Amino acid sequence: MQPVTSPAPTLDDILRLFQETDRKFQETDRQFKETDLKFKETALAIKAVNTSIGKLGNRLGEFVEEAVRPSAVRLFRECGIDVHEVQQNIVAKRDGESLELDLL
């Protein structure tokens, strides 16, 4: 029994293989670019959500401050502490440390 041999590839066969390989490389490159764009879009969406959450947190903090401020003055006065002045949003910095007081 003689071994089965396949005919040698022709120049056209080799050219077709190169063209197919080039087409696959181009498709892979397109897919990488599409994936990169989706990553960038996702990063922007995450940034927008984080900004919205931050704003919501600030609004909630402001709401709590406004709800607490009148009661705090009343409670101090009921305990015999005369409140003459209320300060809001105090920031103190010392030795590289900072402290923020919403209500003083």
C-alpha atoms as a PDB file:
ATOM      1  CA  MET A   1       0.000   0.000   0.000  1.00  0.00           C
ATOM      2  CA  GLN A   2       1.388   3.346  -1.030  1.00  0.00           C
ATOM      3  CA  PRO A   3       1.059   6.473   1.140  1.00  0.00           C
ATOM      4  CA  VAL A   4      -1.581   8.976   0.090  1.00  0.00           C
ATOM      5  CA  THR A   5      -0.018  12.219  -0.998  1.00  0.00           C
ATOM      6  CA  SER A   6      -1.797  15.468  -1.510  1.00  0.00           C
ATOM      7  CA  PRO A   7      -0.907  17.754  -4.338  1.00  0.00           C
ATOM      8  CA  ALA A   8       1.478  20.594  -3.563  1.00  0.00           C
ATOM      9  CA  PRO A   9      -0.307  23.888  -2.896  1.00  0.00           C
ATOM     10  CA  THR A  10      -0.360  26.238  -5.797  1.00  0.00           C
ATOM     11  CA  LEU A  11       0.501  29.912  -5.704  1.00  0.00           C
ATOM     12  CA  ASP A  12      -3.239  30.679  -5.816  1.00  0.00           C
ATOM     13  CA  ASP A  13      -3.809  28.394  -2.801  1.00  0.00           C
ATOM     14  CA  ILE A  14      -1.114  30.199  -0.824  1.00  0.00           C
ATOM     15  CA  LEU A  15      -2.481  33.596  -1.873  1.00  0.00           C
ATOM     16  CA  ARG A  16      -5.993  32.565  -0.734  1.00  0.00           C
ATOM     17  CA  LEU A  17      -4.594  31.425   2.620  1.00  0.00           C
ATOM     18  CA  PHE A  18      -2.827  34.766   3.105  1.00  0.00           C
ATOM     19  CA  GLN A  19      -6.001  36.642   2.173  1.00  0.00           C
ATOM     20  CA  GLU A  20      -8.051  34.563   4.611  1.00  0.00           C
ATOM     21  CA  THR A  21      -5.484  35.124   7.360  1.00  0.00           C
ATOM     22  CA  ASP A  22      -5.499  38.860   6.641  1.00  0.00           C
ATOM     23  CA  ARG A  23      -9.307  38.915   6.764  1.00  0.00           C
ATOM     24  CA  LYS A  24      -9.258  37.129  10.140  1.00  0.00           C
ATOM     25  CA  PHE A  25      -6.677  39.588  11.498  1.00  0.00           C
ATOM     26  CA  GLN A  26      -8.825  42.512  10.359  1.00  0.00           C
ATOM     27  CA  GLU A  27     -11.903  40.990  11.998  1.00  0.00           C
ATOM     28  CA  THR A  28      -9.983  40.412  15.237  1.00  0.00           C
ATOM     29  CA  ASP A  29      -8.718  44.006  15.155  1.00  0.00           C
ATOM     30  CA  ARG A  30     -12.280  45.262  14.628  1.00  0.00           C
ATOM     31  CA  GLN A  31     -13.490  43.192  17.578  1.00  0.00           C
ATOM     32  CA  PHE A  32     -10.685  44.539  19.802  1.00  0.00           C
ATOM     33  CA  LYS A  33     -11.618  48.110  18.870  1.00  0.00           C
ATOM     34  CA  GLU A  34     -15.282  47.395  19.577  1.00  0.00           C
ATOM     35  CA  THR A  35     -14.416  45.873  22.956  1.00  0.00           C
ATOM     36  CA  ASP A  36     -12.194  48.850  23.805  1.00  0.00           C
ATOM     37  CA  LEU A  37     -15.051  51.221  22.968  1.00  0.00           C
ATOM     38  CA  LYS A  38     -17.430  49.246  25.192  1.00  0.00           C
ATOM     39  CA  PHE A  39     -14.922  49.388  28.065  1.00  0.00           C
ATOM     40  CA  LYS A  40     -14.674  53.169  27.658  1.00  0.00           C
ATOM     41  CA  GLU A  41     -18.460  53.521  27.565  1.00  0.00           C
ATOM     42  CA  THR A  42     -18.764  51.358  30.679  1.00  0.00           C
ATOM     43  CA  ALA A  43     -16.145  53.445  32.490  1.00  0.00           C
ATOM     44  CA  LEU A  44     -18.071  56.625  31.641  1.00  0.00           C
ATOM     45  CA  ALA A  45     -21.328  55.076  32.843  1.00  0.00           C
ATOM     46  CA  ILE A  46     -19.706  54.011  36.128  1.00  0.00           C
ATOM     47  CA  LYS A  47     -18.295  57.513  36.590  1.00  0.00           C
ATOM     48  CA  ALA A  48     -21.749  59.030  36.006  1.00  0.00           C
ATOM     49  CA  VAL A  49     -23.339  56.642  38.515  1.00  0.00           C
ATOM     50  CA  ASN A  50     -20.651  57.448  41.096  1.00  0.00           C
ATOM     51  CA  THR A  51     -21.255  61.172  40.580  1.00  0.00           C
ATOM     52  CA  SER A  52     -25.001  60.684  41.001  1.00  0.00           C
ATOM     53  CA  ILE A  53     -24.512  58.648  44.173  1.00  0.00           C
ATOM     54  CA  GLY A  54     -22.187  61.327  45.545  1.00  0.00           C
ATOM     55  CA  LYS A  55     -24.736  64.050  44.840  1.00  0.00           C
ATOM     56  CA  LEU A  56     -27.480  61.983  46.441  1.00  0.00           C
ATOM     57  CA  GLY A  57     -25.316  61.458  49.522  1.00  0.00           C
ATOM     58  CA  ASN A  58     -24.696  65.197  49.749  1.00  0.00           C
ATOM     59  CA  ARG A  59     -28.405  65.940  49.437  1.00  0.00           C
ATOM     60  CA  LEU A  60     -29.188  63.374  52.143  1.00  0.00           C
ATOM     61  CA  GLY A  61     -26.573  64.974  54.390  1.00  0.00           C
ATOM     62  CA  GLU A  62     -28.095  68.413  53.829  1.00  0.00           C
ATOM     63  CA  PHE A  63     -31.549  67.046  54.616  1.00  0.00           C
ATOM     64  CA  VAL A  64     -30.345  65.512  57.887  1.00  0.00           C
ATOM     65  CA  GLU A  65     -28.539  68.742  58.832  1.00  0.00           C
ATOM     66  CA  GLU A  66     -31.679  70.793  58.277  1.00  0.00           C
ATOM     67  CA  ALA A  67     -33.784  68.288  60.227  1.00  0.00           C
ATOM     68  CA  VAL A  68     -31.333  68.119  63.152  1.00  0.00           C
ATOM     69  CA  ARG A  69     -30.366  71.794  63.456  1.00  0.00           C
ATOM     70  CA  PRO A  70     -33.638  73.140  64.947  1.00  0.00           C
ATOM     71  CA  SER A  71     -33.996  70.166  67.296  1.00  0.00           C
ATOM     72  CA  ALA A  72     -30.378  70.396  68.449  1.00  0.00           C
ATOM     73  CA  VAL A  73     -30.770  74.004  69.562  1.00  0.00           C
ATOM     74  CA  ARG A  74     -33.997  73.154  71.401  1.00  0.00           C
ATOM     75  CA  LEU A  75     -32.458  70.103  73.086  1.00  0.00           C
ATOM     76  CA  PHE A  76     -29.411  72.067  74.260  1.00  0.00           C
ATOM     77  CA  ARG A  77     -31.650  74.788  75.679  1.00  0.00           C
ATOM     78  CA  GLU A  78     -33.800  72.177  77.463  1.00  0.00           C
ATOM     79  CA  CYS A  79     -30.593  70.893  79.113  1.00  0.00           C
ATOM     80  CA  GLY A  80     -29.784  74.398  80.336  1.00  0.00           C
ATOM     81  CA  ILE A  81     -27.197  75.169  77.659  1.00  0.00           C
ATOM     82  CA  ASP A  82     -27.961  78.539  76.142  1.00  0.00           C
ATOM     83  CA  VAL A  83     -27.140  78.494  72.437  1.00  0.00           C
ATOM     84  CA  HIS A  84     -26.257  81.908  71.028  1.00  0.00           C
ATOM     85  CA  GLU A  85     -24.874  80.965  67.657  1.00  0.00           C
ATOM     86  CA  VAL A  86     -25.038  78.070  65.209  1.00  0.00           C
ATOM     87  CA  GLN A  87     -22.336  77.510  62.594  1.00  0.00           C
ATOM     88  CA  GLN A  88     -22.598  75.133  59.686  1.00  0.00           C
ATOM     89  CA  ASN A  89     -19.972  73.504  57.480  1.00  0.00           C
ATOM     90  CA  ILE A  90     -16.902  74.232  59.600  1.00  0.00           C
ATOM     91  CA  VAL A  91     -13.595  72.853  58.303  1.00  0.00           C
ATOM     92  CA  ALA A  92     -10.526  72.770  60.532  1.00  0.00           C
ATOM     93  CA  LYS A  93      -7.041  71.724  59.389  1.00  0.00           C
ATOM     94  CA  ARG A  94      -4.085  71.093  61.646  1.00  0.00           C
ATOM     95  CA  ASP A  95      -0.859  69.121  61.202  1.00  0.00           C
ATOM     96  CA  GLY A  96      -1.998  67.616  57.914  1.00  0.00           C
ATOM     97  CA  GLU A  97      -5.264  66.398  59.412  1.00  0.00           C
ATOM     98  CA  SER A  98      -8.651  67.880  58.646  1.00  0.00           C
ATOM     99  CA  LEU A  99     -11.964  67.855  60.434  1.00  0.00           C
ATOM    100  CA  GLU A 100     -15.331  68.813  59.004  1.00  0.00           C
ATOM    101  CA  LEU A 101     -18.246  69.711  61.255  1.00  0.00           C
ATOM    102  CA  ASP A 102     -21.632  69.987  59.628  1.00  0.00           C
ATOM    103  CA  LEU A 103     -23.175  71.698  62.643  1.00  0.00           C
ATOM    104  CA  LEU A 104     -21.439  73.466  65.543  1.00  0.00           C
END
